[in-house]
Amino acid sequence: MRVENTIPILNVTDLAASLRFYVEGLGFGVDWSVTAMASVSRDGCPIMLCEGGQGQPGTWVWIGCEDVRAFHARAVELGAEIRMPPTRQAWALETQIVDPDGHVLRFGSDPDEA
């Protein structure tokens, strides 16, 4: 038995506002969008957004990436809430960005040696 992928589903209060944040703010593309649900992805990694259902506010999502500092800088430009600036952890260089619905996006890349 093979697992093909996992896709987080985030509960959002305003689908249009969430799409703007993920697409215009963080560079995700819209895979599809219907009345109250959409899928956005970046580099083949999707996140589903569901308005008014499925999931709970405040979900945490790990997003592995090449350059945490670039995501952090873009989030600062957007005025997004930064829960944690790029910080060296034992497992990764990580930043935590809060989306408009309070979901914590944990962007992580290989730990730097600096």
C-alpha atoms as a PDB file:
ATOM      1  CA  MET A   1       0.000   0.000   0.000  1.00  0.00           C
ATOM      2  CA  ARG A   2       1.422   3.358  -1.040  1.00  0.00           C
ATOM      3  CA  VAL A   3       0.488   6.770   0.328  1.00  0.00           C
ATOM      4  CA  GLU A   4       0.629   9.291  -2.501  1.00  0.00           C
ATOM      5  CA  ASN A   5       0.450  12.545  -0.533  1.00  0.00           C
ATOM      6  CA  THR A   6      -1.099  14.433   2.340  1.00  0.00           C
ATOM      7  CA  ILE A   7      -2.884  17.755   1.951  1.00  0.00           C
ATOM      8  CA  PRO A   8      -3.789  19.986   4.885  1.00  0.00           C
ATOM      9  CA  ILE A   9      -7.265  21.533   4.809  1.00  0.00           C
ATOM     10  CA  LEU A  10      -7.408  24.915   6.524  1.00  0.00           C
ATOM     11  CA  ASN A  11     -10.656  26.425   7.757  1.00  0.00           C
ATOM     12  CA  VAL A  12     -10.954  30.044   6.560  1.00  0.00           C
ATOM     13  CA  THR A  13     -13.497  32.761   7.226  1.00  0.00           C
ATOM     14  CA  ASP A  14     -13.071  34.616   3.909  1.00  0.00           C
ATOM     15  CA  LEU A  15     -11.939  32.491   0.965  1.00  0.00           C
ATOM     16  CA  ALA A  16     -11.172  35.488  -1.262  1.00  0.00           C
ATOM     17  CA  ALA A  17      -8.962  37.100   1.402  1.00  0.00           C
ATOM     18  CA  SER A  18      -7.155  33.817   2.043  1.00  0.00           C
ATOM     19  CA  LEU A  19      -6.552  33.311  -1.680  1.00  0.00           C
ATOM     20  CA  ARG A  20      -5.037  36.820  -1.885  1.00  0.00           C
ATOM     21  CA  PHE A  21      -2.717  36.053   1.049  1.00  0.00           C
ATOM     22  CA  TYR A  22      -1.473  32.741  -0.335  1.00  0.00           C
ATOM     23  CA  VAL A  23      -1.336  33.742  -4.019  1.00  0.00           C
ATOM     24  CA  GLU A  24      -0.307  37.397  -4.006  1.00  0.00           C
ATOM     25  CA  GLY A  25       1.540  37.230  -0.722  1.00  0.00           C
ATOM     26  CA  LEU A  26       3.313  33.895  -0.648  1.00  0.00           C
ATOM     27  CA  GLY A  27       3.463  33.008  -4.349  1.00  0.00           C
ATOM     28  CA  PHE A  28       1.124  30.015  -4.376  1.00  0.00           C
ATOM     29  CA  GLY A  29      -0.986  29.341  -7.471  1.00  0.00           C
ATOM     30  CA  VAL A  30      -4.683  28.499  -7.529  1.00  0.00           C
ATOM     31  CA  ASP A  31      -5.208  24.884  -8.624  1.00  0.00           C
ATOM     32  CA  TRP A  32      -8.990  25.159  -8.476  1.00  0.00           C
ATOM     33  CA  SER A  33     -11.661  27.115  -6.653  1.00  0.00           C
ATOM     34  CA  VAL A  34     -15.380  26.482  -6.151  1.00  0.00           C
ATOM     35  CA  THR A  35     -17.984  28.206  -3.990  1.00  0.00           C
ATOM     36  CA  ALA A  36     -16.457  27.624  -0.549  1.00  0.00           C
ATOM     37  CA  MET A  37     -13.313  25.613  -1.224  1.00  0.00           C
ATOM     38  CA  ALA A  38     -10.063  26.074  -3.101  1.00  0.00           C
ATOM     39  CA  SER A  39      -6.715  24.417  -3.549  1.00  0.00           C
ATOM     40  CA  VAL A  40      -3.515  26.445  -3.774  1.00  0.00           C
ATOM     41  CA  SER A  41      -0.069  25.038  -4.350  1.00  0.00           C
ATOM     42  CA  ARG A  42       3.516  25.986  -4.780  1.00  0.00           C
ATOM     43  CA  ASP A  43       6.087  23.717  -6.390  1.00  0.00           C
ATOM     44  CA  GLY A  44       3.585  20.853  -6.451  1.00  0.00           C
ATOM     45  CA  CYS A  45       2.717  21.081  -2.736  1.00  0.00           C
ATOM     46  CA  PRO A  46      -0.978  21.887  -2.181  1.00  0.00           C
ATOM     47  CA  ILE A  47      -2.969  23.344   0.684  1.00  0.00           C
ATOM     48  CA  MET A  48      -6.765  23.327   0.622  1.00  0.00           C
ATOM     49  CA  LEU A  49      -8.759  26.257   1.970  1.00  0.00           C
ATOM     50  CA  CYS A  50     -12.340  25.673   3.114  1.00  0.00           C
ATOM     51  CA  GLU A  51     -14.610  28.580   4.016  1.00  0.00           C
ATOM     52  CA  GLY A  52     -16.762  27.942   7.052  1.00  0.00           C
ATOM     53  CA  GLY A  53     -16.096  24.244   7.456  1.00  0.00           C
ATOM     54  CA  GLN A  54     -13.592  21.420   7.706  1.00  0.00           C
ATOM     55  CA  GLY A  55     -10.801  21.949  10.148  1.00  0.00           C
ATOM     56  CA  GLN A  56     -10.257  24.278  13.041  1.00  0.00           C
ATOM     57  CA  PRO A  57      -8.832  27.774  13.321  1.00  0.00           C
ATOM     58  CA  GLY A  58      -5.220  27.856  14.457  1.00  0.00           C
ATOM     59  CA  THR A  59      -3.928  24.773  12.632  1.00  0.00           C
ATOM     60  CA  TRP A  60      -0.150  24.471  12.339  1.00  0.00           C
ATOM     61  CA  VAL A  61       1.383  23.422   8.996  1.00  0.00           C
ATOM     62  CA  TRP A  62       5.019  22.574   8.260  1.00  0.00           C
ATOM     63  CA  ILE A  63       6.224  23.764   4.834  1.00  0.00           C
ATOM     64  CA  GLY A  64       9.705  22.691   3.827  1.00  0.00           C
ATOM     65  CA  CYS A  65      11.425  25.172   1.514  1.00  0.00           C
ATOM     66  CA  GLU A  66      14.819  26.200   0.188  1.00  0.00           C
ATOM     67  CA  ASP A  67      14.983  29.700   1.645  1.00  0.00           C
ATOM     68  CA  VAL A  68      13.170  30.544   4.880  1.00  0.00           C
ATOM     69  CA  ARG A  69      14.543  34.062   4.903  1.00  0.00           C
ATOM     70  CA  ALA A  70      12.834  34.858   1.565  1.00  0.00           C
ATOM     71  CA  PHE A  71       9.421  33.746   2.895  1.00  0.00           C
ATOM     72  CA  HIS A  72      10.010  35.740   6.072  1.00  0.00           C
ATOM     73  CA  ALA A  73      10.993  38.886   4.149  1.00  0.00           C
ATOM     74  CA  ARG A  74       7.916  38.618   1.922  1.00  0.00           C
ATOM     75  CA  ALA A  75       5.626  38.138   4.937  1.00  0.00           C
ATOM     76  CA  VAL A  76       7.134  41.225   6.598  1.00  0.00           C
ATOM     77  CA  GLU A  77       6.485  43.232   3.392  1.00  0.00           C
ATOM     78  CA  LEU A  78       2.847  42.074   3.500  1.00  0.00           C
ATOM     79  CA  GLY A  79       2.462  43.116   7.095  1.00  0.00           C
ATOM     80  CA  ALA A  80       1.667  39.519   8.052  1.00  0.00           C
ATOM     81  CA  GLU A  81       1.942  38.511  11.669  1.00  0.00           C
ATOM     82  CA  ILE A  82       5.335  36.946  12.352  1.00  0.00           C
ATOM     83  CA  ARG A  83       5.153  34.505  15.221  1.00  0.00           C
ATOM     84  CA  MET A  84       8.873  33.702  15.018  1.00  0.00           C
ATOM     85  CA  PRO A  85      11.578  35.252  12.817  1.00  0.00           C
ATOM     86  CA  PRO A  86      14.071  32.921  11.135  1.00  0.00           C
ATOM     87  CA  THR A  87      15.514  30.942  14.014  1.00  0.00           C
ATOM     88  CA  ARG A  88      18.013  28.113  13.975  1.00  0.00           C
ATOM     89  CA  GLN A  89      16.505  24.975  15.462  1.00  0.00           C
ATOM     90  CA  ALA A  90      18.125  21.547  15.722  1.00  0.00           C
ATOM     91  CA  TRP A  91      15.933  20.339  12.819  1.00  0.00           C
ATOM     92  CA  ALA A  92      15.836  23.400  10.549  1.00  0.00           C
ATOM     93  CA  LEU A  93      16.144  27.113  10.077  1.00  0.00           C
ATOM     94  CA  GLU A  94      12.519  28.015  10.740  1.00  0.00           C
ATOM     95  CA  THR A  95      10.192  30.994  10.601  1.00  0.00           C
ATOM     96  CA  GLN A  96       6.566  31.014  11.689  1.00  0.00           C
ATOM     97  CA  ILE A  97       4.062  33.158   9.793  1.00  0.00           C
ATOM     98  CA  VAL A  98       0.418  33.528  10.799  1.00  0.00           C
ATOM     99  CA  ASP A  99      -2.160  33.599   7.989  1.00  0.00           C
ATOM    100  CA  PRO A 100      -5.328  35.756   8.105  1.00  0.00           C
ATOM    101  CA  ASP A 101      -7.238  33.003   9.973  1.00  0.00           C
ATOM    102  CA  GLY A 102      -4.621  32.370  12.635  1.00  0.00           C
ATOM    103  CA  HIS A 103      -3.102  29.270  11.061  1.00  0.00           C
ATOM    104  CA  VAL A 104       0.616  29.027  11.798  1.00  0.00           C
ATOM    105  CA  LEU A 105       2.748  28.327   8.724  1.00  0.00           C
ATOM    106  CA  ARG A 106       6.075  26.910   9.819  1.00  0.00           C
ATOM    107  CA  PHE A 107       8.492  27.441   6.911  1.00  0.00           C
ATOM    108  CA  GLY A 108      11.695  25.479   7.351  1.00  0.00           C
ATOM    109  CA  SER A 109      14.879  24.908   5.398  1.00  0.00           C
ATOM    110  CA  ASP A 110      18.143  23.156   6.146  1.00  0.00           C
ATOM    111  CA  PRO A 111      19.731  24.593   9.287  1.00  0.00           C
ATOM    112  CA  ASP A 112      22.472  27.072   8.546  1.00  0.00           C
ATOM    113  CA  GLU A 113      25.773  26.872  10.322  1.00  0.00           C
ATOM    114  CA  ALA A 114      25.984  30.593  11.070  1.00  0.00           C
END
